[in-house]
């Protein structure tokens, strides 16, 4: 079974940004994404999910390295100063590279 390396860009941020982030992903040409609710605690305190707009989401995009880098740079520039946001990137192996 042949495996192909792609990048997984993970964004953990405020749920209120979901529509803007989805718009950004489409604008940059991402083929797909996954969004899940997220809870936890970090340097900005505990984030709960009791109220939809005060919770966090975890957005994941699998794409090529160039797109992951462009997206990460854009998100840092546009959102880091004003929103709670964490970005991380890791290499992943996919079996159907045409999907990404």
N, C-alpha and C. Protein backbone atom coordinates (compact mmCIF):
# COMPACT_ATOMS: atom_id res chain seq x y z
N UNK A 1 0.85 -1.17 0.00
CA UNK A 1 0.00 0.00 0.00
C UNK A 1 0.90 1.24 0.00
N UNK A 2 0.72 2.07 -0.99
CA UNK A 2 1.54 3.28 -1.11
C UNK A 2 0.97 4.40 -0.25
N UNK A 3 1.86 5.06 0.47
CA UNK A 3 1.47 6.18 1.33
C UNK A 3 2.09 7.46 0.78
N UNK A 4 1.39 8.56 0.99
CA UNK A 4 1.83 9.87 0.50
C UNK A 4 1.82 10.85 1.65
N UNK A 5 2.86 11.65 1.75
CA UNK A 5 2.98 12.61 2.84
C UNK A 5 2.23 13.89 2.50
N UNK A 6 1.42 14.31 3.43
CA UNK A 6 0.73 15.60 3.37
C UNK A 6 0.89 16.28 4.72
N UNK A 7 0.40 17.49 4.85
CA UNK A 7 0.47 18.22 6.12
C UNK A 7 -0.91 18.31 6.74
N UNK A 8 -0.94 18.16 8.03
CA UNK A 8 -2.16 18.37 8.81
C UNK A 8 -1.98 19.67 9.57
N UNK A 9 -2.78 20.67 9.21
CA UNK A 9 -2.80 21.94 9.92
C UNK A 9 -3.96 21.88 10.89
N UNK A 10 -3.67 22.06 12.17
CA UNK A 10 -4.69 22.05 13.21
C UNK A 10 -4.79 23.44 13.81
N UNK A 11 -6.02 23.93 13.92
CA UNK A 11 -6.30 25.24 14.49
C UNK A 11 -7.26 25.03 15.66
N UNK A 12 -6.88 25.48 16.83
CA UNK A 12 -7.78 25.47 17.98
C UNK A 12 -8.04 26.92 18.33
N UNK A 13 -9.31 27.30 18.30
CA UNK A 13 -9.64 28.71 18.45
C UNK A 13 -11.08 28.88 18.92
N UNK A 14 -11.49 30.11 19.01
CA UNK A 14 -12.83 30.47 19.48
C UNK A 14 -13.89 30.07 18.45
N UNK A 15 -14.99 29.50 18.94
CA UNK A 15 -16.07 29.04 18.07
C UNK A 15 -16.66 30.17 17.24
N UNK A 16 -16.60 31.38 17.74
CA UNK A 16 -17.18 32.52 17.01
C UNK A 16 -16.47 32.78 15.68
N UNK A 17 -15.29 32.21 15.48
CA UNK A 17 -14.54 32.42 14.24
C UNK A 17 -14.85 31.40 13.15
N UNK A 18 -15.71 30.43 13.43
CA UNK A 18 -15.91 29.33 12.50
C UNK A 18 -16.25 29.79 11.08
N UNK A 19 -17.21 30.65 10.93
CA UNK A 19 -17.61 31.10 9.57
C UNK A 19 -16.47 31.81 8.86
N UNK A 20 -15.75 32.66 9.56
CA UNK A 20 -14.63 33.37 8.95
C UNK A 20 -13.54 32.41 8.52
N UNK A 21 -13.24 31.42 9.36
CA UNK A 21 -12.19 30.46 9.03
C UNK A 21 -12.58 29.60 7.83
N UNK A 22 -13.82 29.17 7.78
CA UNK A 22 -14.28 28.38 6.63
C UNK A 22 -14.17 29.21 5.35
N UNK A 23 -14.52 30.47 5.43
CA UNK A 23 -14.39 31.36 4.28
C UNK A 23 -12.93 31.48 3.85
N UNK A 24 -12.03 31.63 4.82
CA UNK A 24 -10.60 31.71 4.52
C UNK A 24 -10.11 30.44 3.84
N UNK A 25 -10.52 29.29 4.35
CA UNK A 25 -10.08 28.02 3.77
C UNK A 25 -10.52 27.90 2.32
N UNK A 26 -11.76 28.26 2.05
CA UNK A 26 -12.26 28.20 0.67
C UNK A 26 -11.50 29.17 -0.22
N UNK A 27 -11.25 30.36 0.28
CA UNK A 27 -10.52 31.37 -0.49
C UNK A 27 -9.12 30.88 -0.86
N UNK A 28 -8.47 30.17 0.04
CA UNK A 28 -7.11 29.69 -0.20
C UNK A 28 -7.07 28.38 -0.99
N UNK A 29 -8.24 27.76 -1.21
CA UNK A 29 -8.29 26.57 -2.04
C UNK A 29 -8.20 25.24 -1.30
N UNK A 30 -8.47 25.24 -0.01
CA UNK A 30 -8.47 23.96 0.72
C UNK A 30 -9.61 23.10 0.19
N UNK A 31 -9.37 21.83 0.00
CA UNK A 31 -10.36 20.92 -0.57
C UNK A 31 -11.36 20.42 0.46
N UNK A 32 -11.02 20.50 1.73
CA UNK A 32 -11.91 20.02 2.77
C UNK A 32 -11.36 20.34 4.14
N UNK A 33 -12.15 20.09 5.14
CA UNK A 33 -11.74 20.38 6.51
C UNK A 33 -12.66 19.61 7.46
N UNK A 34 -12.26 19.51 8.69
CA UNK A 34 -13.07 18.92 9.74
C UNK A 34 -13.08 19.88 10.91
N UNK A 35 -14.26 20.11 11.47
CA UNK A 35 -14.40 20.97 12.64
C UNK A 35 -15.10 20.19 13.73
N UNK A 36 -14.52 20.22 14.93
CA UNK A 36 -15.12 19.59 16.10
C UNK A 36 -15.11 20.58 17.25
N UNK A 37 -16.02 20.37 18.21
CA UNK A 37 -16.02 21.18 19.41
C UNK A 37 -14.81 20.80 20.26
N UNK A 38 -14.28 21.78 20.98
CA UNK A 38 -13.10 21.52 21.81
C UNK A 38 -13.26 22.21 23.16
N UNK A 39 -12.72 21.57 24.18
CA UNK A 39 -12.70 22.15 25.52
C UNK A 39 -11.30 22.00 26.08
N UNK A 40 -10.94 22.84 27.02
CA UNK A 40 -9.63 22.70 27.63
C UNK A 40 -9.25 23.93 28.42
N UNK A 41 -8.00 23.97 28.80
CA UNK A 41 -7.48 25.09 29.57
C UNK A 41 -6.09 25.42 29.08
N UNK A 42 -5.80 26.69 28.97
CA UNK A 42 -4.49 27.16 28.53
C UNK A 42 -4.15 28.44 29.25
N UNK A 43 -3.21 29.19 28.70
CA UNK A 43 -2.77 30.40 29.38
C UNK A 43 -3.85 31.48 29.44
N UNK A 44 -4.88 31.39 28.63
CA UNK A 44 -5.99 32.35 28.69
C UNK A 44 -7.12 31.85 29.58
N UNK A 45 -6.92 30.74 30.28
CA UNK A 45 -7.92 30.22 31.20
C UNK A 45 -8.69 29.07 30.61
N UNK A 46 -9.66 28.59 31.38
CA UNK A 46 -10.47 27.45 30.98
C UNK A 46 -11.53 27.89 29.99
N UNK A 47 -11.70 27.10 28.92
CA UNK A 47 -12.70 27.37 27.90
C UNK A 47 -13.75 26.27 27.96
N UNK A 48 -14.97 26.64 28.24
CA UNK A 48 -16.05 25.67 28.35
C UNK A 48 -16.91 25.72 27.10
N UNK A 49 -17.92 24.86 27.04
CA UNK A 49 -18.79 24.80 25.88
C UNK A 49 -20.24 25.07 26.26
N UNK A 50 -20.47 25.62 27.45
CA UNK A 50 -21.85 25.84 27.89
C UNK A 50 -22.59 26.81 26.97
N UNK A 51 -21.90 27.80 26.49
CA UNK A 51 -22.50 28.77 25.58
C UNK A 51 -21.75 28.67 24.26
N UNK A 52 -22.46 28.45 23.19
CA UNK A 52 -21.88 28.14 21.89
C UNK A 52 -20.76 29.09 21.49
N UNK A 53 -20.94 30.38 21.72
CA UNK A 53 -19.97 31.37 21.23
C UNK A 53 -18.79 31.56 22.17
N UNK A 54 -18.83 30.95 23.35
CA UNK A 54 -17.68 31.07 24.25
C UNK A 54 -16.81 29.83 24.21
N UNK A 55 -17.24 28.81 23.49
CA UNK A 55 -16.47 27.58 23.40
C UNK A 55 -15.37 27.68 22.36
N UNK A 56 -14.68 26.58 22.20
CA UNK A 56 -13.61 26.48 21.21
C UNK A 56 -13.98 25.45 20.15
N UNK A 57 -13.33 25.58 19.02
CA UNK A 57 -13.41 24.57 17.97
C UNK A 57 -12.00 24.11 17.64
N UNK A 58 -11.95 22.93 17.08
CA UNK A 58 -10.70 22.38 16.54
C UNK A 58 -10.95 22.16 15.06
N UNK A 59 -10.22 22.89 14.24
CA UNK A 59 -10.35 22.82 12.79
C UNK A 59 -9.12 22.11 12.25
N UNK A 60 -9.33 21.11 11.41
CA UNK A 60 -8.21 20.36 10.84
C UNK A 60 -8.30 20.35 9.32
N UNK A 61 -7.16 20.58 8.69
CA UNK A 61 -7.08 20.59 7.23
C UNK A 61 -5.88 19.76 6.82
N UNK A 62 -6.10 18.80 5.93
CA UNK A 62 -4.99 18.04 5.35
C UNK A 62 -4.78 18.58 3.95
N UNK A 63 -3.54 18.97 3.66
CA UNK A 63 -3.23 19.59 2.37
C UNK A 63 -1.74 19.45 2.09
N UNK A 64 -1.30 20.03 1.00
CA UNK A 64 0.14 19.99 0.73
C UNK A 64 0.86 21.02 1.61
N UNK A 65 2.17 20.90 1.68
CA UNK A 65 2.97 21.74 2.57
C UNK A 65 2.85 23.22 2.24
N UNK A 66 2.82 23.55 0.97
CA UNK A 66 2.75 24.96 0.57
C UNK A 66 1.45 25.61 1.04
N UNK A 67 0.33 24.91 0.86
CA UNK A 67 -0.94 25.46 1.30
C UNK A 67 -1.00 25.56 2.82
N UNK A 68 -0.49 24.56 3.52
CA UNK A 68 -0.47 24.62 4.99
C UNK A 68 0.32 25.83 5.47
N UNK A 69 1.44 26.11 4.83
CA UNK A 69 2.26 27.26 5.22
C UNK A 69 1.54 28.58 4.93
N UNK A 70 0.90 28.68 3.77
CA UNK A 70 0.17 29.91 3.43
C UNK A 70 -1.00 30.13 4.37
N UNK A 71 -1.74 29.08 4.66
CA UNK A 71 -2.87 29.20 5.59
C UNK A 71 -2.40 29.60 6.98
N UNK A 72 -1.36 28.95 7.48
CA UNK A 72 -0.86 29.27 8.81
C UNK A 72 -0.40 30.73 8.89
N UNK A 73 0.30 31.19 7.88
CA UNK A 73 0.76 32.59 7.87
C UNK A 73 -0.42 33.55 7.87
N UNK A 74 -1.42 33.26 7.05
CA UNK A 74 -2.60 34.11 6.99
C UNK A 74 -3.34 34.14 8.34
N UNK A 75 -3.54 32.98 8.94
CA UNK A 75 -4.26 32.92 10.20
C UNK A 75 -3.51 33.64 11.30
N UNK A 76 -2.19 33.50 11.33
CA UNK A 76 -1.38 34.22 12.33
C UNK A 76 -1.54 35.73 12.15
N UNK A 77 -1.43 36.19 10.92
CA UNK A 77 -1.53 37.63 10.64
C UNK A 77 -2.91 38.19 10.94
N UNK A 78 -3.94 37.46 10.61
CA UNK A 78 -5.30 37.99 10.72
C UNK A 78 -5.92 37.83 12.12
N UNK A 79 -5.57 36.75 12.83
CA UNK A 79 -6.31 36.44 14.06
C UNK A 79 -5.49 36.44 15.35
N UNK A 80 -4.21 36.17 15.29
CA UNK A 80 -3.43 35.96 16.52
C UNK A 80 -3.53 37.11 17.52
N UNK A 81 -3.50 38.33 17.07
CA UNK A 81 -3.48 39.47 17.99
C UNK A 81 -4.80 39.70 18.72
N UNK A 82 -5.89 39.17 18.20
CA UNK A 82 -7.21 39.51 18.75
C UNK A 82 -8.03 38.33 19.26
N UNK A 83 -7.56 37.11 19.01
CA UNK A 83 -8.34 35.93 19.38
C UNK A 83 -7.43 34.88 20.02
N UNK A 84 -8.03 34.04 20.85
CA UNK A 84 -7.31 32.89 21.37
C UNK A 84 -7.19 31.89 20.23
N UNK A 85 -5.96 31.57 19.85
CA UNK A 85 -5.76 30.67 18.71
C UNK A 85 -4.43 29.96 18.85
N UNK A 86 -4.45 28.67 18.58
CA UNK A 86 -3.23 27.86 18.53
C UNK A 86 -3.21 27.18 17.17
N UNK A 87 -2.05 27.20 16.54
CA UNK A 87 -1.85 26.50 15.27
C UNK A 87 -0.72 25.50 15.45
N UNK A 88 -0.88 24.32 14.88
CA UNK A 88 0.26 23.42 14.78
C UNK A 88 0.14 22.60 13.51
N UNK A 89 1.30 22.18 13.02
CA UNK A 89 1.39 21.47 11.75
C UNK A 89 2.17 20.19 11.98
N UNK A 90 1.70 19.13 11.36
CA UNK A 90 2.43 17.87 11.44
C UNK A 90 2.31 17.12 10.11
N UNK A 91 3.31 16.34 9.81
CA UNK A 91 3.26 15.51 8.61
C UNK A 91 2.37 14.30 8.90
N UNK A 92 1.55 13.95 7.93
CA UNK A 92 0.70 12.77 8.02
C UNK A 92 0.84 11.99 6.72
N UNK A 93 0.56 10.70 6.77
CA UNK A 93 0.58 9.87 5.58
C UNK A 93 -0.86 9.57 5.18
N UNK A 94 -1.17 9.78 3.91
CA UNK A 94 -2.51 9.51 3.41
C UNK A 94 -2.43 8.41 2.36
N UNK A 95 -3.54 7.73 2.17
CA UNK A 95 -3.59 6.64 1.20
C UNK A 95 -4.24 7.06 -0.12
N UNK A 96 -5.01 8.13 -0.09
CA UNK A 96 -5.65 8.64 -1.32
C UNK A 96 -5.22 10.11 -1.50
N UNK A 97 -4.07 10.35 -2.06
CA UNK A 97 -3.55 11.71 -2.14
C UNK A 97 -4.38 12.65 -3.01
N UNK A 98 -5.13 12.12 -3.93
CA UNK A 98 -5.94 12.96 -4.81
C UNK A 98 -7.03 13.72 -4.05
N UNK A 99 -7.36 13.28 -2.85
CA UNK A 99 -8.38 13.95 -2.04
C UNK A 99 -7.85 15.22 -1.37
N UNK A 100 -6.52 15.37 -1.33
CA UNK A 100 -5.92 16.45 -0.59
C UNK A 100 -5.09 17.34 -1.48
